PDB file of N, CA and C in Angstrom:
ATOM      1  N   MET A   1     -54.843  -1.705  28.739  1.00  0.00           N
ATOM      2  CA  MET A   1     -56.069  -2.467  28.389  1.00  0.00           C
ATOM      3  C   MET A   1     -55.611  -3.915  28.413  1.00  0.00           C
ATOM      4  N   THR A   2     -56.403  -4.918  28.923  1.00  0.00           N
ATOM      5  CA  THR A   2     -55.991  -6.298  28.794  1.00  0.00           C
ATOM      6  C   THR A   2     -56.613  -7.023  27.724  1.00  0.00           C
ATOM      7  N   HIS A   3     -56.334  -8.223  27.091  1.00  0.00           N
ATOM      8  CA  HIS A   3     -56.909  -8.665  26.078  1.00  0.00           C
ATOM      9  C   HIS A   3     -57.243 -10.118  26.757  1.00  0.00           C
ATOM     10  N   ASP A   4     -58.630 -10.475  26.672  1.00  0.00           N
ATOM     11  CA  ASP A   4     -59.311 -11.590  27.111  1.00  0.00           C
ATOM     12  C   ASP A   4     -59.023 -12.770  26.109  1.00  0.00           C
ATOM     13  N   ASN A   5     -58.292 -13.929  26.399  1.00  0.00           N
ATOM     14  CA  ASN A   5     -57.970 -15.024  25.384  1.00  0.00           C
ATOM     15  C   ASN A   5     -59.254 -15.581  24.973  1.00  0.00           C
ATOM     16  N   SER A   6     -60.454 -15.296  25.632  1.00  0.00           N
ATOM     17  CA  SER A   6     -61.412 -16.037  25.176  1.00  0.00           C
ATOM     18  C   SER A   6     -62.291 -15.362  24.080  1.00  0.00           C
ATOM     19  N   ASP A   7     -61.852 -14.124  23.995  1.00  0.00           N
ATOM     20  CA  ASP A   7     -62.639 -13.336  23.009  1.00  0.00           C
ATOM     21  C   ASP A   7     -62.189 -13.703  21.616  1.00  0.00           C
ATOM     22  N   PRO A   8     -63.297 -14.204  20.794  1.00  0.00           N
ATOM     23  CA  PRO A   8     -63.102 -14.692  19.435  1.00  0.00           C
ATOM     24  C   PRO A   8     -62.533 -13.573  18.402  1.00  0.00           C
ATOM     25  N   GLY A   9     -62.535 -12.371  18.740  1.00  0.00           N
ATOM     26  CA  GLY A   9     -62.329 -11.419  17.885  1.00  0.00           C
ATOM     27  C   GLY A   9     -63.564 -10.904  17.108  1.00  0.00           C
ATOM     28  N   HIS A  10     -63.247 -10.634  15.742  1.00  0.00           N
ATOM     29  CA  HIS A  10     -64.303  -9.979  14.868  1.00  0.00           C
ATOM     30  C   HIS A  10     -64.218 -10.739  13.549  1.00  0.00           C
ATOM     31  N   GLY A  11     -63.633 -12.030  13.834  1.00  0.00           N
ATOM     32  CA  GLY A  11     -63.901 -12.984  12.562  1.00  0.00           C
ATOM     33  C   GLY A  11     -62.720 -12.631  11.784  1.00  0.00           C
ATOM     34  N   ASN A  12     -61.630 -12.005  12.138  1.00  0.00           N
ATOM     35  CA  ASN A  12     -60.536 -11.910  11.314  1.00  0.00           C
ATOM     36  C   ASN A  12     -59.800 -13.105  11.151  1.00  0.00           C
ATOM     37  N   SER A  13     -60.057 -13.844  10.170  1.00  0.00           N
ATOM     38  CA  SER A  13     -59.362 -15.168   9.904  1.00  0.00           C
ATOM     39  C   SER A  13     -59.597 -15.368   8.302  1.00  0.00           C
ATOM     40  N   PRO A  14     -58.599 -16.327   8.043  1.00  0.00           N
ATOM     41  CA  PRO A  14     -58.707 -16.635   6.556  1.00  0.00           C
ATOM     42  C   PRO A  14     -59.915 -17.348   6.136  1.00  0.00           C
ATOM     43  N   ALA A  15     -60.766 -17.946   6.978  1.00  0.00           N
ATOM     44  CA  ALA A  15     -62.094 -18.248   6.666  1.00  0.00           C
ATOM     45  C   ALA A  15     -63.007 -17.209   6.458  1.00  0.00           C
ATOM     46  N   ALA A  16     -63.062 -16.462   7.511  1.00  0.00           N
ATOM     47  CA  ALA A  16     -63.950 -15.222   7.330  1.00  0.00           C
ATOM     48  C   ALA A  16     -63.661 -14.455   6.079  1.00  0.00           C
ATOM     49  N   TRP A  17     -62.360 -13.921   5.878  1.00  0.00           N
ATOM     50  CA  TRP A  17     -61.781 -13.181   4.769  1.00  0.00           C
ATOM     51  C   TRP A  17     -62.524 -13.846   3.423  1.00  0.00           C
ATOM     52  N   THR A  18     -62.149 -14.849   3.254  1.00  0.00           N
ATOM     53  CA  THR A  18     -62.520 -15.755   2.003  1.00  0.00           C
ATOM     54  C   THR A  18     -64.152 -15.703   1.882  1.00  0.00           C
ATOM     55  N   ALA A  19     -64.761 -16.176   2.875  1.00  0.00           N
ATOM     56  CA  ALA A  19     -66.442 -16.031   2.667  1.00  0.00           C
ATOM     57  C   ALA A  19     -66.925 -14.707   2.434  1.00  0.00           C
ATOM     58  N   VAL A  20     -66.360 -13.723   3.092  1.00  0.00           N
ATOM     59  CA  VAL A  20     -66.762 -12.312   2.871  1.00  0.00           C
ATOM     60  C   VAL A  20     -66.312 -11.887   1.447  1.00  0.00           C
ATOM     61  N   ILE A  21     -65.129 -12.042   0.953  1.00  0.00           N
ATOM     62  CA  ILE A  21     -64.856 -11.662  -0.534  1.00  0.00           C
ATOM     63  C   ILE A  21     -65.655 -12.507  -1.552  1.00  0.00           C
ATOM     64  N   ILE A  22     -65.823 -13.612  -1.375  1.00  0.00           N
ATOM     65  CA  ILE A  22     -66.844 -14.504  -2.305  1.00  0.00           C
ATOM     66  C   ILE A  22     -68.111 -13.861  -2.424  1.00  0.00           C
ATOM     67  N   MET A  23     -68.781 -13.425  -1.197  1.00  0.00           N
ATOM     68  CA  MET A  23     -70.178 -13.030  -0.875  1.00  0.00           C
ATOM     69  C   MET A  23     -70.208 -11.545  -1.518  1.00  0.00           C
ATOM     70  N   LEU A  24     -69.166 -10.745  -1.487  1.00  0.00           N
ATOM     71  CA  LEU A  24     -68.990  -9.458  -1.898  1.00  0.00           C
ATOM     72  C   LEU A  24     -69.019  -9.321  -3.355  1.00  0.00           C
ATOM     73  N   VAL A  25     -68.401 -10.355  -3.929  1.00  0.00           N
ATOM     74  CA  VAL A  25     -68.054 -10.482  -5.347  1.00  0.00           C
ATOM     75  C   VAL A  25     -69.623 -10.870  -5.941  1.00  0.00           C
ATOM     76  N   ALA A  26     -70.315 -11.757  -5.073  1.00  0.00           N
ATOM     77  CA  ALA A  26     -71.701 -12.316  -5.486  1.00  0.00           C
ATOM     78  C   ALA A  26     -72.492 -11.111  -5.516  1.00  0.00           C
ATOM     79  N   PHE A  27     -72.567 -10.209  -4.503  1.00  0.00           N
ATOM     80  CA  PHE A  27     -73.568  -9.195  -4.296  1.00  0.00           C
ATOM     81  C   PHE A  27     -73.208  -8.197  -5.534  1.00  0.00           C
ATOM     82  N   THR A  28     -72.043  -7.913  -5.926  1.00  0.00           N
ATOM     83  CA  THR A  28     -71.727  -7.095  -6.782  1.00  0.00           C
ATOM     84  C   THR A  28     -72.244  -7.577  -8.308  1.00  0.00           C
ATOM     85  N   ILE A  29     -71.860  -8.581  -8.376  1.00  0.00           N
ATOM     86  CA  ILE A  29     -72.456  -9.299  -9.924  1.00  0.00           C
ATOM     87  C   ILE A  29     -73.981  -9.150  -9.751  1.00  0.00           C
ATOM     88  N   GLY A  30     -74.600  -9.620  -8.556  1.00  0.00           N
ATOM     89  CA  GLY A  30     -75.981  -9.567  -8.700  1.00  0.00           C
ATOM     90  C   GLY A  30     -76.640  -8.072  -8.717  1.00  0.00           C
ATOM     91  N   THR A  31     -75.851  -7.168  -8.077  1.00  0.00           N
ATOM     92  CA  THR A  31     -76.591  -5.862  -8.390  1.00  0.00           C
ATOM     93  C   THR A  31     -76.510  -5.460  -9.716  1.00  0.00           C
ATOM     94  N   VAL A  32     -75.364  -5.661 -10.256  1.00  0.00           N
ATOM     95  CA  VAL A  32     -75.284  -5.166 -11.847  1.00  0.00           C
ATOM     96  C   VAL A  32     -76.366  -6.197 -12.750  1.00  0.00           C
ATOM     97  N   ALA A  33     -76.303  -7.375 -12.512  1.00  0.00           N
ATOM     98  CA  ALA A  33     -77.232  -8.204 -13.249  1.00  0.00           C
ATOM     99  C   ALA A  33     -78.776  -7.552 -13.097  1.00  0.00           C
ATOM    100  N   PHE A  34     -79.177  -7.353 -11.838  1.00  0.00           N
ATOM    101  CA  PHE A  34     -80.270  -6.651 -11.537  1.00  0.00           C
ATOM    102  C   PHE A  34     -80.572  -5.440 -12.331  1.00  0.00           C
ATOM    103  N   PHE A  35     -79.683  -4.646 -12.255  1.00  0.00           N
ATOM    104  CA  PHE A  35     -79.618  -3.277 -13.003  1.00  0.00           C
ATOM    105  C   PHE A  35     -79.927  -3.556 -14.479  1.00  0.00           C
ATOM    106  N   PHE A  36     -79.486  -4.516 -15.046  1.00  0.00           N
ATOM    107  CA  PHE A  36     -79.726  -4.802 -16.656  1.00  0.00           C
ATOM    108  C   PHE A  36     -80.705  -5.989 -16.792  1.00  0.00           C
ATOM    109  N   SER A  37     -81.363  -6.113 -15.675  1.00  0.00           N
ATOM    110  CA  SER A  37     -82.478  -7.120 -15.844  1.00  0.00           C
ATOM    111  C   SER A  37     -82.081  -8.555 -16.341  1.00  0.00           C
ATOM    112  N   ILE A  38     -80.882  -9.110 -15.922  1.00  0.00           N
ATOM    113  CA  ILE A  38     -80.635 -10.355 -16.332  1.00  0.00           C
ATOM    114  C   ILE A  38     -80.822 -11.344 -15.102  1.00  0.00           C
ATOM    115  N   ALA A  39     -82.100 -11.872 -15.178  1.00  0.00           N
ATOM    116  CA  ALA A  39     -82.677 -12.751 -14.061  1.00  0.00           C
ATOM    117  C   ALA A  39     -81.783 -13.863 -13.718  1.00  0.00           C
ATOM    118  N   TRP A  40     -81.567 -14.730 -14.677  1.00  0.00           N
ATOM    119  CA  TRP A  40     -80.586 -15.969 -14.718  1.00  0.00           C
ATOM    120  C   TRP A  40     -79.325 -15.427 -13.599  1.00  0.00           C
ATOM    121  N   LEU A  41     -78.853 -14.319 -14.080  1.00  0.00           N
ATOM    122  CA  LEU A  41     -77.450 -13.926 -13.497  1.00  0.00           C
ATOM    123  C   LEU A  41     -77.860 -13.591 -12.134  1.00  0.00           C
ATOM    124  N   VAL A  42     -78.826 -12.951 -11.733  1.00  0.00           N
ATOM    125  CA  VAL A  42     -79.263 -12.563 -10.364  1.00  0.00           C
ATOM    126  C   VAL A  42     -79.231 -13.821  -9.433  1.00  0.00           C
ATOM    127  N   TRP A  43     -80.077 -14.841 -10.067  1.00  0.00           N
ATOM    128  CA  TRP A  43     -80.051 -15.958  -9.302  1.00  0.00           C
ATOM    129  C   TRP A  43     -78.782 -16.831  -9.023  1.00  0.00           C
ATOM    130  N   ALA A  44     -78.249 -16.644 -10.174  1.00  0.00           N
ATOM    131  CA  ALA A  44     -76.788 -17.351 -10.186  1.00  0.00           C
ATOM    132  C   ALA A  44     -75.751 -16.687  -8.781  1.00  0.00           C
ATOM    133  N   SER A  45     -75.950 -15.306  -8.779  1.00  0.00           N
ATOM    134  CA  SER A  45     -75.292 -14.630  -7.625  1.00  0.00           C
ATOM    135  C   SER A  45     -75.783 -15.038  -6.331  1.00  0.00           C
ATOM    136  N   ALA A  46     -77.110 -15.281  -6.333  1.00  0.00           N
ATOM    137  CA  ALA A  46     -77.668 -15.622  -4.898  1.00  0.00           C
ATOM    138  C   ALA A  46     -77.165 -16.887  -4.709  1.00  0.00           C
ATOM    139  N   ALA A  47     -77.008 -17.858  -5.503  1.00  0.00           N
ATOM    140  CA  ALA A  47     -76.407 -19.141  -5.114  1.00  0.00           C
ATOM    141  C   ALA A  47     -74.766 -18.990  -4.810  1.00  0.00           C
ATOM    142  N   LEU A  48     -74.059 -17.961  -5.306  1.00  0.00           N
ATOM    143  CA  LEU A  48     -72.700 -17.882  -5.159  1.00  0.00           C
ATOM    144  C   LEU A  48     -72.653 -17.218  -3.737  1.00  0.00           C
ATOM    145  N   VAL A  49     -73.752 -16.528  -3.246  1.00  0.00           N
ATOM    146  CA  VAL A  49     -73.639 -16.080  -1.666  1.00  0.00           C
ATOM    147  C   VAL A  49     -73.671 -17.232  -0.921  1.00  0.00           C
ATOM    148  N   VAL A  50     -74.497 -18.333  -1.139  1.00  0.00           N
ATOM    149  CA  VAL A  50     -74.551 -19.541  -0.465  1.00  0.00           C
ATOM    150  C   VAL A  50     -73.392 -20.239  -0.384  1.00  0.00           C
ATOM    151  N   VAL A  51     -72.611 -20.372  -1.663  1.00  0.00           N
ATOM    152  CA  VAL A  51     -71.293 -20.953  -1.899  1.00  0.00           C
ATOM    153  C   VAL A  51     -70.383 -20.431  -0.933  1.00  0.00           C
ATOM    154  N   GLY A  52     -70.401 -18.989  -0.837  1.00  0.00           N
ATOM    155  CA  GLY A  52     -69.428 -18.263  -0.045  1.00  0.00           C
ATOM    156  C   GLY A  52     -69.741 -18.533   1.708  1.00  0.00           C
ATOM    157  N   LEU A  53     -70.737 -18.788   1.877  1.00  0.00           N
ATOM    158  CA  LEU A  53     -71.034 -19.307   3.258  1.00  0.00           C
ATOM    159  C   LEU A  53     -70.664 -20.660   3.489  1.00  0.00           C
ATOM    160  N   ILE A  54     -70.886 -21.510   2.610  1.00  0.00           N
ATOM    161  CA  ILE A  54     -70.501 -22.752   2.808  1.00  0.00           C
ATOM    162  C   ILE A  54     -68.874 -22.818   2.818  1.00  0.00           C
ATOM    163  N   VAL A  55     -68.192 -22.285   1.868  1.00  0.00           N
ATOM    164  CA  VAL A  55     -66.834 -22.150   2.001  1.00  0.00           C
ATOM    165  C   VAL A  55     -66.207 -21.739   3.332  1.00  0.00           C
ATOM    166  N   GLY A  56     -66.905 -20.695   3.584  1.00  0.00           N
ATOM    167  CA  GLY A  56     -66.411 -20.125   5.054  1.00  0.00           C
ATOM    168  C   GLY A  56     -66.607 -21.255   6.113  1.00  0.00           C
ATOM    169  N   ILE A  57     -67.548 -21.898   6.186  1.00  0.00           N
ATOM    170  CA  ILE A  57     -67.791 -22.939   7.217  1.00  0.00           C
ATOM    171  C   ILE A  57     -67.002 -24.135   6.902  1.00  0.00           C
ATOM    172  N   VAL A  58     -66.603 -24.592   5.675  1.00  0.00           N
ATOM    173  CA  VAL A  58     -65.771 -25.574   5.558  1.00  0.00           C
ATOM    174  C   VAL A  58     -64.223 -25.079   6.062  1.00  0.00           C
ATOM    175  N   LEU A  59     -63.748 -23.871   5.512  1.00  0.00           N
ATOM    176  CA  LEU A  59     -62.637 -23.486   6.019  1.00  0.00           C
ATOM    177  C   LEU A  59     -62.206 -23.358   7.434  1.00  0.00           C
ATOM    178  N   ALA A  60     -63.432 -22.957   8.237  1.00  0.00           N
ATOM    179  CA  ALA A  60     -63.178 -22.921   9.808  1.00  0.00           C
ATOM    180  C   ALA A  60     -63.244 -24.141  10.203  1.00  0.00           C
ATOM    181  N   ARG A  61     -63.909 -25.308   9.557  1.00  0.00           N
ATOM    182  CA  ARG A  61     -63.756 -26.674  10.286  1.00  0.00           C
ATOM    183  C   ARG A  61     -62.631 -27.291   9.860  1.00  0.00           C
ATOM    184  N   LEU A  62     -62.016 -26.844   8.720  1.00  0.00           N
ATOM    185  CA  LEU A  62     -60.608 -27.270   8.445  1.00  0.00           C
ATOM    186  C   LEU A  62     -59.570 -26.547   9.233  1.00  0.00           C
ATOM    187  N   GLY A  63     -59.742 -25.561  10.214  1.00  0.00           N
ATOM    188  CA  GLY A  63     -58.954 -25.147  11.011  1.00  0.00           C
ATOM    189  C   GLY A  63     -58.474 -23.718  10.722  1.00  0.00           C
ATOM    190  N   TYR A  64     -59.054 -23.031   9.730  1.00  0.00           N
ATOM    191  CA  TYR A  64     -58.585 -21.805   9.332  1.00  0.00           C
ATOM    192  C   TYR A  64     -59.519 -20.641   9.982  1.00  0.00           C
ATOM    193  N   GLY A  65     -60.334 -20.884  10.888  1.00  0.00           N
ATOM    194  CA  GLY A  65     -61.251 -20.126  11.362  1.00  0.00           C
ATOM    195  C   GLY A  65     -60.475 -19.489  12.769  1.00  0.00           C
ATOM    196  N   VAL A  66     -61.245 -18.414  13.386  1.00  0.00           N
ATOM    197  CA  VAL A  66     -60.761 -17.960  14.648  1.00  0.00           C
ATOM    198  C   VAL A  66     -60.499 -18.949  15.546  1.00  0.00           C
ATOM    199  N   GLY A  67     -59.444 -19.332  16.268  1.00  0.00           N
ATOM    200  CA  GLY A  67     -59.155 -20.246  17.187  1.00  0.00           C
ATOM    201  C   GLY A  67     -58.888 -21.701  16.572  1.00  0.00           C
ATOM    202  N   GLY A  68     -58.932 -21.758  15.370  1.00  0.00           N
ATOM    203  CA  GLY A  68     -58.774 -23.054  14.601  1.00  0.00           C
ATOM    204  C   GLY A  68     -57.023 -23.460  14.686  1.00  0.00           C
ATOM    205  N   SER A  69     -56.876 -24.488  14.456  1.00  0.00           N
ATOM    206  CA  SER A  69     -55.529 -25.147  14.596  1.00  0.00           C
ATOM    207  C   SER A  69     -54.496 -24.782  13.628  1.00  0.00           C
ATOM    208  N   ARG A  70     -54.990 -24.067  12.266  1.00  0.00           N
ATOM    209  CA  ARG A  70     -54.173 -23.654  11.558  1.00  0.00           C
ATOM    210  C   ARG A  70     -54.311 -22.069  11.252  1.00  0.00           C
ATOM    211  N   TYR A  71     -54.817 -21.594  12.410  1.00  0.00           N
ATOM    212  CA  TYR A  71     -54.996 -20.131  12.121  1.00  0.00           C
ATOM    213  C   TYR A  71     -53.965 -19.421  13.320  1.00  0.00           C
ATOM    214  N   VAL A  72     -53.240 -18.616  12.655  1.00  0.00           N
ATOM    215  CA  VAL A  72     -52.065 -17.876  13.564  1.00  0.00           C
ATOM    216  C   VAL A  72     -52.510 -16.323  13.615  1.00  0.00           C
ATOM    217  N   PRO A  73     -52.982 -15.762  14.706  1.00  0.00           N
ATOM    218  CA  PRO A  73     -53.474 -14.567  14.691  1.00  0.00           C
ATOM    219  C   PRO A  73     -52.122 -13.603  14.700  1.00  0.00           C
ATOM    220  N   LYS A  74     -52.493 -12.448  14.112  1.00  0.00           N
ATOM    221  CA  LYS A  74     -51.385 -11.518  14.165  1.00  0.00           C
ATOM    222  C   LYS A  74     -51.243 -10.768  15.656  1.00  0.00           C
ATOM    223  N   ASN A  75     -49.958 -10.478  16.053  1.00  0.00           N
ATOM    224  CA  ASN A  75     -49.814 -10.018  17.344  1.00  0.00           C
ATOM    225  C   ASN A  75     -49.950  -8.511  17.276  1.00  0.00           C
ATOM    226  N   VAL A  76     -51.135  -8.084  17.732  1.00  0.00           N
ATOM    227  CA  VAL A  76     -51.555  -6.725  17.630  1.00  0.00           C
ATOM    228  C   VAL A  76     -51.054  -5.939  18.968  1.00  0.00           C
ATOM    229  N   HIS A  77     -50.373  -4.714  19.020  1.00  0.00           N
ATOM    230  CA  HIS A  77     -49.785  -4.118  20.126  1.00  0.00           C
ATOM    231  C   HIS A  77     -50.862  -3.108  20.531  1.00  0.00           C
TER     232      HIS A  77
END
């Protein structure tokens, strides 16, 4: 099986992982807050999801995304 160098992969980069972790934490907090009817925390967690998206975009533009100047992919055999 050959690997096409133009294939961007599945977002396996520091930028993507950071964004996903922030968003997972936000969803977890939001779910617990929703269960306990803490409305302000539900909205704060929704804002944290947006922050995670912005962090991912900023890191990708700084070169930590797939194909970025600071991203070094692992050599998978």
